[in-house]
N, C-alpha and C. Protein backbone atom coordinates (compact mmCIF):
# COMPACT_ATOMS: atom_id res chain seq x y z
N PHE A 1 100.56 68.92 151.96
CA PHE A 1 99.28 68.76 152.63
C PHE A 1 99.46 69.12 154.10
N ARG A 2 98.81 70.17 154.54
CA ARG A 2 98.93 70.61 155.93
C ARG A 2 97.78 70.01 156.74
N VAL A 3 98.13 69.15 157.68
CA VAL A 3 97.13 68.49 158.52
C VAL A 3 96.60 69.46 159.56
N THR A 4 95.29 69.60 159.63
CA THR A 4 94.67 70.50 160.61
C THR A 4 93.97 69.75 161.73
N ASP A 5 93.70 68.45 161.53
CA ASP A 5 93.04 67.66 162.56
C ASP A 5 93.26 66.18 162.28
N ALA A 6 93.20 65.38 163.32
CA ALA A 6 93.29 63.93 163.19
C ALA A 6 92.26 63.31 164.12
N GLN A 7 91.49 62.38 163.60
CA GLN A 7 90.44 61.75 164.39
C GLN A 7 90.56 60.24 164.32
N LYS A 8 90.42 59.58 165.49
CA LYS A 8 90.41 58.13 165.53
C LYS A 8 88.98 57.67 165.30
N ARG A 9 88.76 56.90 164.25
CA ARG A 9 87.39 56.53 163.86
C ARG A 9 87.03 55.10 164.28
N VAL A 10 87.62 54.12 163.63
CA VAL A 10 87.29 52.72 163.91
C VAL A 10 88.57 51.97 164.23
N GLY A 11 88.61 51.33 165.40
CA GLY A 11 89.82 50.60 165.78
C GLY A 11 91.02 51.53 165.81
N ASP A 12 92.06 51.17 165.04
CA ASP A 12 93.27 51.97 164.98
C ASP A 12 93.33 52.87 163.75
N LEU A 13 92.19 53.03 163.06
CA LEU A 13 92.15 53.87 161.86
C LEU A 13 92.15 55.35 162.25
N ILE A 14 93.16 56.08 161.78
CA ILE A 14 93.27 57.51 162.05
C ILE A 14 93.00 58.27 160.76
N ILE A 15 92.05 59.19 160.81
CA ILE A 15 91.71 60.03 159.66
C ILE A 15 92.39 61.37 159.80
N HIS A 16 93.21 61.73 158.81
CA HIS A 16 93.86 63.04 158.80
C HIS A 16 93.07 63.98 157.91
N GLN A 17 92.75 65.13 158.45
CA GLN A 17 92.04 66.16 157.69
C GLN A 17 92.96 67.37 157.54
N GLY A 18 92.84 68.06 156.43
CA GLY A 18 93.70 69.21 156.24
C GLY A 18 93.49 69.90 154.91
N VAL A 19 94.52 70.64 154.49
CA VAL A 19 94.44 71.48 153.30
C VAL A 19 95.59 71.12 152.36
N LEU A 20 95.26 70.86 151.10
CA LEU A 20 96.29 70.62 150.09
C LEU A 20 96.79 71.98 149.61
N GLU A 21 98.00 72.34 150.00
CA GLU A 21 98.53 73.68 149.72
C GLU A 21 99.36 73.73 148.44
N LYS A 22 99.82 72.56 147.98
CA LYS A 22 100.69 72.55 146.80
C LYS A 22 100.70 71.16 146.19
N GLY A 23 100.76 71.07 144.88
CA GLY A 23 100.85 69.78 144.20
C GLY A 23 99.54 69.04 144.14
N ALA A 24 99.61 67.70 144.07
CA ALA A 24 98.41 66.87 143.93
C ALA A 24 98.60 65.59 144.72
N LEU A 25 97.49 64.98 145.13
CA LEU A 25 97.50 63.71 145.84
C LEU A 25 96.57 62.74 145.14
N LYS A 26 96.94 61.47 145.12
CA LYS A 26 96.05 60.45 144.58
C LYS A 26 96.16 59.20 145.43
N ILE A 27 95.15 58.35 145.37
CA ILE A 27 95.12 57.12 146.15
C ILE A 27 96.35 56.27 145.82
N GLY A 28 97.01 55.79 146.84
CA GLY A 28 98.19 54.95 146.65
C GLY A 28 99.50 55.69 146.80
N ASP A 29 99.45 57.02 146.86
CA ASP A 29 100.68 57.80 147.03
C ASP A 29 101.33 57.48 148.37
N ALA A 30 102.66 57.43 148.37
CA ALA A 30 103.41 57.29 149.61
C ALA A 30 103.70 58.68 150.15
N LEU A 31 103.44 58.90 151.45
CA LEU A 31 103.61 60.21 152.05
C LEU A 31 104.60 60.16 153.21
N GLU A 32 105.30 61.24 153.41
CA GLU A 32 106.19 61.38 154.56
C GLU A 32 105.56 62.38 155.52
N LEU A 33 105.33 61.93 156.75
CA LEU A 33 104.71 62.79 157.75
C LEU A 33 105.79 63.50 158.55
N GLU A 34 105.57 64.77 158.80
CA GLU A 34 106.52 65.55 159.59
C GLU A 34 105.75 66.36 160.63
N VAL A 35 106.15 66.24 161.89
CA VAL A 35 105.47 66.94 162.97
C VAL A 35 105.84 68.42 162.96
N ASP A 36 104.83 69.29 163.11
CA ASP A 36 105.06 70.72 163.30
C ASP A 36 105.54 70.89 164.75
N ARG A 37 106.85 71.01 164.93
CA ARG A 37 107.42 70.97 166.28
C ARG A 37 107.00 72.17 167.14
N VAL A 38 106.84 73.33 166.54
CA VAL A 38 106.42 74.50 167.31
C VAL A 38 105.00 74.30 167.83
N ARG A 39 104.11 73.84 166.95
CA ARG A 39 102.72 73.58 167.35
C ARG A 39 102.66 72.48 168.41
N ARG A 40 103.41 71.41 168.19
CA ARG A 40 103.40 70.30 169.14
C ARG A 40 103.91 70.75 170.51
N SER A 41 104.94 71.57 170.53
CA SER A 41 105.49 72.05 171.80
C SER A 41 104.44 72.85 172.57
N GLY A 42 103.69 73.71 171.86
CA GLY A 42 102.63 74.48 172.51
C GLY A 42 101.51 73.59 173.03
N ASN A 43 101.14 72.58 172.24
CA ASN A 43 100.10 71.64 172.68
C ASN A 43 100.54 70.88 173.92
N ARG A 44 101.80 70.45 173.92
CA ARG A 44 102.31 69.72 175.09
C ARG A 44 102.24 70.56 176.35
N ALA A 45 102.70 71.79 176.25
CA ALA A 45 102.72 72.67 177.43
C ALA A 45 101.32 72.91 177.96
N HIS A 46 100.38 73.21 177.07
CA HIS A 46 99.02 73.53 177.51
C HIS A 46 98.27 72.29 178.00
N HIS A 47 98.58 71.12 177.43
CA HIS A 47 97.93 69.90 177.90
C HIS A 47 98.43 69.55 179.31
N SER A 48 99.74 69.62 179.53
CA SER A 48 100.27 69.35 180.86
C SER A 48 99.77 70.38 181.87
N ALA A 49 99.66 71.63 181.45
CA ALA A 49 99.12 72.68 182.33
C ALA A 49 97.69 72.36 182.74
N THR A 50 96.91 71.78 181.83
CA THR A 50 95.54 71.39 182.14
C THR A 50 95.50 70.39 183.30
N HIS A 51 96.40 69.42 183.27
CA HIS A 51 96.46 68.43 184.36
C HIS A 51 96.79 69.09 185.69
N LEU A 52 97.76 70.00 185.67
CA LEU A 52 98.14 70.67 186.92
C LEU A 52 97.01 71.56 187.44
N LEU A 53 96.33 72.26 186.55
CA LEU A 53 95.22 73.11 186.96
C LEU A 53 94.07 72.28 187.51
N HIS A 54 93.82 71.12 186.90
CA HIS A 54 92.75 70.24 187.37
C HIS A 54 92.98 69.86 188.84
N GLU A 55 94.21 69.45 189.16
CA GLU A 55 94.52 69.06 190.54
C GLU A 55 94.49 70.27 191.47
N ALA A 56 94.99 71.40 190.99
CA ALA A 56 94.98 72.61 191.82
C ALA A 56 93.55 73.06 192.12
N LEU A 57 92.65 72.91 191.17
CA LEU A 57 91.24 73.24 191.40
C LEU A 57 90.64 72.32 192.45
N ARG A 58 90.97 71.04 192.39
CA ARG A 58 90.47 70.09 193.39
C ARG A 58 91.00 70.43 194.78
N GLU A 59 92.27 70.81 194.85
CA GLU A 59 92.86 71.15 196.13
C GLU A 59 92.26 72.44 196.70
N THR A 60 91.93 73.37 195.84
CA THR A 60 91.44 74.68 196.28
C THR A 60 89.93 74.69 196.54
N LEU A 61 89.16 74.07 195.65
CA LEU A 61 87.70 74.15 195.72
C LEU A 61 87.07 72.92 196.35
N GLY A 62 87.75 71.79 196.32
CA GLY A 62 87.20 70.55 196.87
C GLY A 62 87.25 69.42 195.85
N HIS A 63 87.15 68.20 196.35
CA HIS A 63 87.30 67.04 195.47
C HIS A 63 86.02 66.70 194.71
N HIS A 64 85.02 67.57 194.81
CA HIS A 64 83.85 67.42 193.93
C HIS A 64 84.19 67.90 192.52
N VAL A 65 85.28 68.64 192.37
CA VAL A 65 85.67 69.16 191.06
C VAL A 65 86.05 68.00 190.16
N ALA A 66 85.42 67.97 188.97
CA ALA A 66 85.72 66.94 187.98
C ALA A 66 85.70 67.59 186.59
N GLN A 67 86.53 67.09 185.71
CA GLN A 67 86.59 67.64 184.36
C GLN A 67 85.29 67.39 183.62
N LYS A 68 84.76 68.43 182.98
CA LYS A 68 83.54 68.34 182.19
C LYS A 68 83.79 68.66 180.72
N GLY A 69 85.00 69.00 180.39
CA GLY A 69 85.35 69.32 179.00
C GLY A 69 86.64 70.09 178.98
N SER A 70 87.35 70.02 177.87
CA SER A 70 88.59 70.79 177.77
C SER A 70 88.95 71.02 176.31
N LEU A 71 89.75 72.03 176.10
CA LEU A 71 90.28 72.35 174.77
C LEU A 71 91.74 72.71 174.96
N VAL A 72 92.61 72.05 174.21
CA VAL A 72 94.04 72.33 174.26
C VAL A 72 94.50 72.78 172.88
N GLU A 73 95.09 73.95 172.83
CA GLU A 73 95.61 74.49 171.58
C GLU A 73 97.05 74.94 171.82
N PRO A 74 97.80 75.22 170.75
CA PRO A 74 99.21 75.60 170.94
C PRO A 74 99.41 76.87 171.76
N ASP A 75 98.41 77.75 171.77
CA ASP A 75 98.60 79.04 172.45
C ASP A 75 97.61 79.30 173.57
N ARG A 76 96.81 78.29 173.97
CA ARG A 76 95.86 78.52 175.07
C ARG A 76 95.23 77.19 175.49
N LEU A 77 94.52 77.23 176.61
CA LEU A 77 93.74 76.08 177.04
C LEU A 77 92.43 76.56 177.62
N ARG A 78 91.46 75.66 177.57
CA ARG A 78 90.15 75.91 178.20
C ARG A 78 89.79 74.66 178.98
N PHE A 79 89.28 74.86 180.20
CA PHE A 79 88.98 73.72 181.06
C PHE A 79 87.64 73.93 181.74
N ASP A 80 86.70 73.03 181.52
CA ASP A 80 85.38 73.07 182.16
C ASP A 80 85.35 72.08 183.31
N PHE A 81 84.78 72.50 184.44
CA PHE A 81 84.80 71.64 185.63
C PHE A 81 83.54 71.85 186.46
N SER A 82 83.19 70.82 187.23
CA SER A 82 82.00 70.89 188.06
C SER A 82 82.26 71.76 189.29
N HIS A 83 81.45 72.81 189.43
CA HIS A 83 81.51 73.69 190.59
C HIS A 83 80.30 74.61 190.49
N ASN A 84 79.66 74.90 191.63
CA ASN A 84 78.37 75.57 191.57
C ASN A 84 78.40 77.08 191.81
N LYS A 85 79.59 77.68 191.86
CA LYS A 85 79.62 79.14 192.00
C LYS A 85 80.92 79.70 191.43
N ALA A 86 80.89 81.00 191.17
CA ALA A 86 82.07 81.64 190.59
C ALA A 86 83.25 81.60 191.55
N MET A 87 84.44 81.49 190.99
CA MET A 87 85.65 81.53 191.82
C MET A 87 86.00 82.97 192.15
N GLY A 88 86.46 83.21 193.37
CA GLY A 88 86.91 84.53 193.76
C GLY A 88 88.36 84.74 193.34
N PRO A 89 88.82 85.99 193.34
CA PRO A 89 90.21 86.30 192.97
C PRO A 89 91.24 85.54 193.80
N GLU A 90 90.95 85.35 195.11
CA GLU A 90 91.88 84.63 195.97
C GLU A 90 91.97 83.17 195.57
N GLU A 91 90.84 82.58 195.17
CA GLU A 91 90.84 81.18 194.75
C GLU A 91 91.60 81.01 193.44
N ILE A 92 91.40 81.93 192.52
CA ILE A 92 92.13 81.86 191.25
C ILE A 92 93.63 81.99 191.49
N ALA A 93 94.01 82.93 192.36
CA ALA A 93 95.42 83.12 192.68
C ALA A 93 96.00 81.88 193.33
N ALA A 94 95.22 81.22 194.19
CA ALA A 94 95.70 80.01 194.86
C ALA A 94 95.92 78.88 193.86
N VAL A 95 95.00 78.75 192.90
CA VAL A 95 95.12 77.72 191.87
C VAL A 95 96.38 77.96 191.03
N GLU A 96 96.57 79.20 190.60
CA GLU A 96 97.77 79.54 189.84
C GLU A 96 99.04 79.22 190.62
N ALA A 97 99.07 79.62 191.89
CA ALA A 97 100.26 79.42 192.72
C ALA A 97 100.59 77.94 192.87
N MET A 98 99.57 77.12 193.10
CA MET A 98 99.80 75.68 193.25
C MET A 98 100.35 75.07 191.96
N ALA A 99 99.72 75.40 190.85
CA ALA A 99 100.15 74.85 189.56
C ALA A 99 101.58 75.30 189.23
N ASN A 100 101.87 76.57 189.45
CA ASN A 100 103.20 77.07 189.12
C ASN A 100 104.28 76.55 190.08
N ALA A 101 103.90 76.21 191.30
CA ALA A 101 104.85 75.61 192.22
C ALA A 101 105.33 74.26 191.69
N VAL A 102 104.41 73.51 191.07
CA VAL A 102 104.79 72.22 190.48
C VAL A 102 105.62 72.44 189.22
N VAL A 103 105.27 73.46 188.44
CA VAL A 103 106.08 73.80 187.26
C VAL A 103 107.53 74.03 187.68
N LEU A 104 107.73 74.79 188.77
CA LEU A 104 109.07 75.15 189.22
C LEU A 104 109.86 73.95 189.76
N GLN A 105 109.18 72.88 190.10
CA GLN A 105 109.89 71.67 190.52
C GLN A 105 110.72 71.10 189.37
N ASN A 106 110.29 71.40 188.15
CA ASN A 106 110.94 70.86 186.95
C ASN A 106 111.05 69.33 187.03
N ASP A 107 110.00 68.72 187.57
CA ASP A 107 109.96 67.27 187.73
C ASP A 107 109.70 66.59 186.39
N GLU A 108 110.24 65.40 186.23
CA GLU A 108 110.01 64.64 184.99
C GLU A 108 108.54 64.23 184.90
N VAL A 109 107.96 64.35 183.70
CA VAL A 109 106.60 63.88 183.45
C VAL A 109 106.70 62.43 183.01
N ASN A 110 106.11 61.53 183.78
CA ASN A 110 106.23 60.10 183.52
C ASN A 110 104.95 59.53 182.94
N THR A 111 105.11 58.59 182.01
CA THR A 111 103.96 57.87 181.46
C THR A 111 104.21 56.37 181.60
N ARG A 112 103.17 55.65 182.02
CA ARG A 112 103.26 54.20 182.17
C ARG A 112 102.02 53.55 181.59
N LEU A 113 102.17 52.34 181.09
CA LEU A 113 101.05 51.55 180.62
C LEU A 113 100.69 50.52 181.68
N MET A 114 99.42 50.42 182.01
CA MET A 114 98.96 49.44 183.00
C MET A 114 97.48 49.17 182.78
N SER A 115 96.95 48.23 183.52
CA SER A 115 95.52 47.93 183.41
C SER A 115 94.73 49.04 184.10
N VAL A 116 93.45 49.16 183.73
CA VAL A 116 92.59 50.17 184.34
C VAL A 116 92.51 49.95 185.85
N ASP A 117 92.36 48.71 186.27
CA ASP A 117 92.24 48.40 187.70
C ASP A 117 93.50 48.82 188.46
N GLU A 118 94.67 48.56 187.87
CA GLU A 118 95.93 48.96 188.52
C GLU A 118 96.01 50.47 188.64
N ALA A 119 95.62 51.17 187.56
CA ALA A 119 95.69 52.63 187.55
C ALA A 119 94.78 53.23 188.62
N ILE A 120 93.55 52.74 188.71
CA ILE A 120 92.61 53.25 189.70
C ILE A 120 93.10 52.94 191.11
N ALA A 121 93.69 51.76 191.30
CA ALA A 121 94.21 51.37 192.60
C ALA A 121 95.33 52.30 193.05
N GLU A 122 96.08 52.85 192.10
CA GLU A 122 97.16 53.78 192.42
C GLU A 122 96.66 55.19 192.66
N GLY A 123 95.36 55.41 192.40
CA GLY A 123 94.78 56.72 192.63
C GLY A 123 94.64 57.59 191.40
N ALA A 124 94.84 57.01 190.21
CA ALA A 124 94.74 57.78 188.97
C ALA A 124 93.30 58.22 188.74
N MET A 125 93.13 59.46 188.28
CA MET A 125 91.81 59.96 187.95
C MET A 125 91.42 59.54 186.54
N ALA A 126 90.20 59.06 186.41
CA ALA A 126 89.65 58.68 185.11
C ALA A 126 88.46 59.58 184.82
N LEU A 127 88.20 59.85 183.55
CA LEU A 127 87.06 60.68 183.18
C LEU A 127 85.79 59.86 183.17
N PHE A 128 84.77 60.36 183.86
CA PHE A 128 83.49 59.66 183.91
C PHE A 128 82.88 59.59 182.52
N GLY A 129 82.44 58.39 182.11
CA GLY A 129 81.82 58.23 180.80
C GLY A 129 82.81 57.91 179.69
N GLU A 130 84.11 58.03 179.97
CA GLU A 130 85.13 57.73 178.96
C GLU A 130 85.30 56.21 178.85
N LYS A 131 85.47 55.72 177.62
CA LYS A 131 85.68 54.29 177.41
C LYS A 131 87.18 54.01 177.34
N TYR A 132 87.64 53.08 178.16
CA TYR A 132 89.04 52.72 178.21
C TYR A 132 89.22 51.26 177.80
N GLY A 133 90.36 50.97 177.17
CA GLY A 133 90.67 49.61 176.78
C GLY A 133 91.24 48.83 177.96
N ASP A 134 91.74 47.62 177.67
CA ASP A 134 92.30 46.77 178.73
C ASP A 134 93.56 47.40 179.31
N GLU A 135 94.31 48.12 178.47
CA GLU A 135 95.54 48.76 178.91
C GLU A 135 95.40 50.26 178.74
N VAL A 136 95.82 51.03 179.74
CA VAL A 136 95.67 52.48 179.70
C VAL A 136 97.03 53.15 179.94
N ARG A 137 97.12 54.39 179.53
CA ARG A 137 98.33 55.18 179.73
C ARG A 137 98.09 56.11 180.92
N VAL A 138 99.00 56.05 181.88
CA VAL A 138 98.87 56.85 183.10
C VAL A 138 99.97 57.90 183.11
N VAL A 139 99.57 59.16 183.25
CA VAL A 139 100.52 60.28 183.24
C VAL A 139 100.64 60.83 184.65
N SER A 140 101.87 60.93 185.14
CA SER A 140 102.10 61.48 186.48
C SER A 140 103.10 62.62 186.40
N MET A 141 102.87 63.65 187.23
CA MET A 141 103.80 64.78 187.26
C MET A 141 103.73 65.51 188.60
N GLY A 142 104.87 65.97 189.07
CA GLY A 142 104.93 66.77 190.28
C GLY A 142 104.93 65.93 191.55
N LEU A 143 105.43 66.54 192.61
CA LEU A 143 105.48 65.88 193.91
C LEU A 143 104.84 66.75 194.98
N ARG A 144 104.20 66.10 195.93
CA ARG A 144 103.63 66.79 197.09
C ARG A 144 104.68 66.85 198.19
N PRO A 145 104.47 67.67 199.22
CA PRO A 145 105.44 67.75 200.32
C PRO A 145 105.64 66.41 201.01
N GLU A 146 106.81 66.22 201.59
CA GLU A 146 107.11 65.01 202.35
C GLU A 146 106.05 64.81 203.43
N GLY A 147 105.68 63.57 203.66
CA GLY A 147 104.70 63.27 204.69
C GLY A 147 103.29 63.14 204.17
N ASN A 148 103.03 63.61 202.93
CA ASN A 148 101.71 63.46 202.35
C ASN A 148 101.50 62.01 201.95
N ASN A 149 100.30 61.50 202.18
CA ASN A 149 100.03 60.09 201.87
C ASN A 149 100.20 59.78 200.39
N ARG A 150 99.93 60.77 199.54
CA ARG A 150 100.08 60.56 198.10
C ARG A 150 101.15 61.51 197.59
N ARG A 151 102.31 60.96 197.26
CA ARG A 151 103.45 61.80 196.89
C ARG A 151 103.27 62.45 195.52
N ILE A 152 102.69 61.74 194.58
CA ILE A 152 102.56 62.29 193.23
C ILE A 152 101.48 63.38 193.23
N TYR A 153 101.77 64.51 192.60
CA TYR A 153 100.82 65.62 192.60
C TYR A 153 99.65 65.35 191.65
N SER A 154 99.95 65.05 190.39
CA SER A 154 98.90 64.82 189.39
C SER A 154 99.07 63.42 188.80
N LEU A 155 98.00 62.63 188.83
CA LEU A 155 98.01 61.26 188.33
C LEU A 155 96.70 61.01 187.59
N GLU A 156 96.77 60.93 186.27
CA GLU A 156 95.56 60.81 185.46
C GLU A 156 95.74 59.81 184.32
N LEU A 157 94.63 59.18 183.92
CA LEU A 157 94.61 58.38 182.70
C LEU A 157 94.56 59.35 181.53
N CYS A 158 95.47 59.22 180.59
CA CYS A 158 95.51 60.18 179.49
C CYS A 158 96.34 59.64 178.33
N GLY A 159 95.84 59.80 177.12
CA GLY A 159 96.56 59.33 175.93
C GLY A 159 97.19 60.45 175.14
N GLY A 160 97.13 61.68 175.64
CA GLY A 160 97.60 62.83 174.88
C GLY A 160 99.09 63.10 175.02
N THR A 161 99.56 64.09 174.27
CA THR A 161 100.96 64.48 174.30
C THR A 161 101.23 65.44 175.47
N HIS A 162 102.41 65.30 176.09
CA HIS A 162 102.73 66.09 177.27
C HIS A 162 104.16 66.60 177.23
N ALA A 163 104.43 67.60 178.07
CA ALA A 163 105.79 68.11 178.23
C ALA A 163 106.67 67.00 178.82
N ARG A 164 107.98 67.10 178.59
CA ARG A 164 108.89 66.09 179.14
C ARG A 164 109.16 66.35 180.63
N ARG A 165 109.20 67.62 181.00
CA ARG A 165 109.39 68.01 182.40
C ARG A 165 108.41 69.12 182.71
N THR A 166 108.02 69.26 183.97
CA THR A 166 107.05 70.31 184.30
C THR A 166 107.60 71.70 184.01
N GLY A 167 108.93 71.86 184.12
CA GLY A 167 109.52 73.16 183.82
C GLY A 167 109.34 73.58 182.38
N ASP A 168 109.14 72.60 181.48
CA ASP A 168 108.94 72.91 180.06
C ASP A 168 107.59 73.58 179.81
N ILE A 169 106.68 73.47 180.78
CA ILE A 169 105.34 74.08 180.63
C ILE A 169 105.46 75.60 180.62
N GLY A 170 106.33 76.12 181.46
CA GLY A 170 106.45 77.58 181.61
C GLY A 170 105.37 78.10 182.55
N LEU A 171 105.36 79.40 182.73
CA LEU A 171 104.41 80.05 183.63
C LEU A 171 102.97 79.78 183.19
N ILE A 172 102.09 79.48 184.15
CA ILE A 172 100.66 79.28 183.89
C ILE A 172 99.90 80.49 184.41
N LYS A 173 99.07 81.09 183.56
CA LYS A 173 98.29 82.26 183.94
C LYS A 173 96.83 82.06 183.55
N VAL A 174 95.92 82.07 184.54
CA VAL A 174 94.48 82.01 184.28
C VAL A 174 94.04 83.39 183.81
N ILE A 175 93.42 83.46 182.63
CA ILE A 175 93.02 84.76 182.09
C ILE A 175 91.52 85.02 182.19
N SER A 176 90.73 83.97 182.45
CA SER A 176 89.29 84.20 182.64
C SER A 176 88.67 83.03 183.39
N GLU A 177 87.56 83.33 184.08
CA GLU A 177 86.76 82.33 184.77
C GLU A 177 85.31 82.71 184.56
N SER A 178 84.49 81.77 184.11
CA SER A 178 83.10 82.09 183.77
C SER A 178 82.23 80.85 183.90
N ALA A 179 80.91 81.06 183.74
CA ALA A 179 79.96 79.95 183.75
C ALA A 179 79.94 79.31 182.37
N SER A 180 79.91 77.98 182.33
CA SER A 180 79.81 77.25 181.07
C SER A 180 78.42 76.63 180.91
N ALA A 181 77.87 76.11 182.02
CA ALA A 181 76.53 75.53 182.05
C ALA A 181 76.11 75.47 183.51
N ALA A 182 74.91 74.99 183.77
CA ALA A 182 74.45 74.89 185.15
C ALA A 182 75.37 73.95 185.92
N GLY A 183 75.98 74.48 187.00
CA GLY A 183 76.87 73.68 187.81
C GLY A 183 78.23 73.41 187.20
N VAL A 184 78.54 74.12 186.11
CA VAL A 184 79.83 73.93 185.43
C VAL A 184 80.49 75.29 185.22
N ARG A 185 81.74 75.41 185.66
CA ARG A 185 82.52 76.63 185.46
C ARG A 185 83.58 76.39 184.40
N ARG A 186 84.12 77.46 183.86
CA ARG A 186 85.14 77.37 182.81
C ARG A 186 86.29 78.33 183.13
N ILE A 187 87.50 77.82 183.04
CA ILE A 187 88.66 78.70 183.11
C ILE A 187 89.40 78.62 181.78
N GLU A 188 89.99 79.74 181.40
CA GLU A 188 90.87 79.78 180.24
C GLU A 188 92.23 80.24 180.74
N ALA A 189 93.28 79.66 180.17
CA ALA A 189 94.61 79.96 180.68
C ALA A 189 95.65 79.89 179.57
N LEU A 190 96.80 80.49 179.86
CA LEU A 190 97.95 80.49 178.97
C LEU A 190 99.11 79.84 179.69
N ALA A 191 99.98 79.19 178.93
CA ALA A 191 101.18 78.60 179.51
C ALA A 191 102.37 78.98 178.64
N GLY A 192 103.51 79.20 179.27
CA GLY A 192 104.71 79.54 178.50
C GLY A 192 105.05 81.01 178.64
N GLU A 193 105.26 81.66 177.51
CA GLU A 193 105.68 83.06 177.50
C GLU A 193 104.48 83.98 177.67
N VAL A 194 103.94 83.96 178.88
CA VAL A 194 102.71 84.70 179.18
C VAL A 194 102.88 86.20 178.96
N GLU A 195 104.05 86.72 179.29
CA GLU A 195 104.26 88.16 179.18
C GLU A 195 104.05 88.66 177.75
N ASP A 196 104.46 87.86 176.77
CA ASP A 196 104.36 88.27 175.38
C ASP A 196 102.91 88.32 174.89
N ARG A 197 102.04 87.48 175.51
CA ARG A 197 100.67 87.37 174.99
C ARG A 197 99.64 88.02 175.89
N PHE A 198 100.01 88.25 177.17
CA PHE A 198 99.02 88.79 178.10
C PHE A 198 99.40 90.16 178.62
N GLY A 199 100.65 90.54 178.45
CA GLY A 199 101.06 91.88 178.86
C GLY A 199 101.97 91.89 180.06
N ALA A 200 101.67 91.04 181.05
CA ALA A 200 102.51 91.01 182.26
C ALA A 200 102.32 89.70 182.98
N ALA A 201 103.35 89.27 183.63
CA ALA A 201 103.27 88.05 184.44
C ALA A 201 102.64 88.40 185.79
N PRO A 202 101.97 87.40 186.41
CA PRO A 202 101.39 87.66 187.73
C PRO A 202 102.48 87.87 188.77
N ALA A 203 102.16 88.58 189.83
CA ALA A 203 103.12 88.78 190.91
C ALA A 203 103.46 87.47 191.56
N PRO A 204 104.69 87.27 192.02
CA PRO A 204 105.07 86.00 192.66
C PRO A 204 104.33 85.82 193.98
């Protein structure tokens, strides 16, 4: 049985959806779950890249930028954010450069469990409209230059899977920028072996 999706429905109940490729299944069967490591590795890289791009967009365009939607897949990412005009080539290049500078730090990606109030007090970004429990998972990665009031580069509430170190993300390349809705822009990007999928890496 190849799992194609998993959804959290009620409480801790996880529904696995997929395709029965061989044999038969019946209620009561004991199953052994095995992670598709190649797929998981791609998801981790692109999810962590999303966090770095989010912060780089805020640094480049302004702190009005907020996540409005995202898609993370093993071979690409899509990120929707609040902004009222198209990004110029220089802005896109600046966002890429900032994100890739953190990738090159090869800093450890840390996760901690804490209360929502503690996380917000530390400066963690939370998604507007998202429902959080009493305890949340806080993901931090990258460092800012010495002397900055906030040393951690990216600090967000997040329950998803991530790379172990920023260097594991690989090169980040924005491949498109477009309008998604009124006041919302969309970027699509690749992380990892960009040369194999896009043709060439960006100039340093």
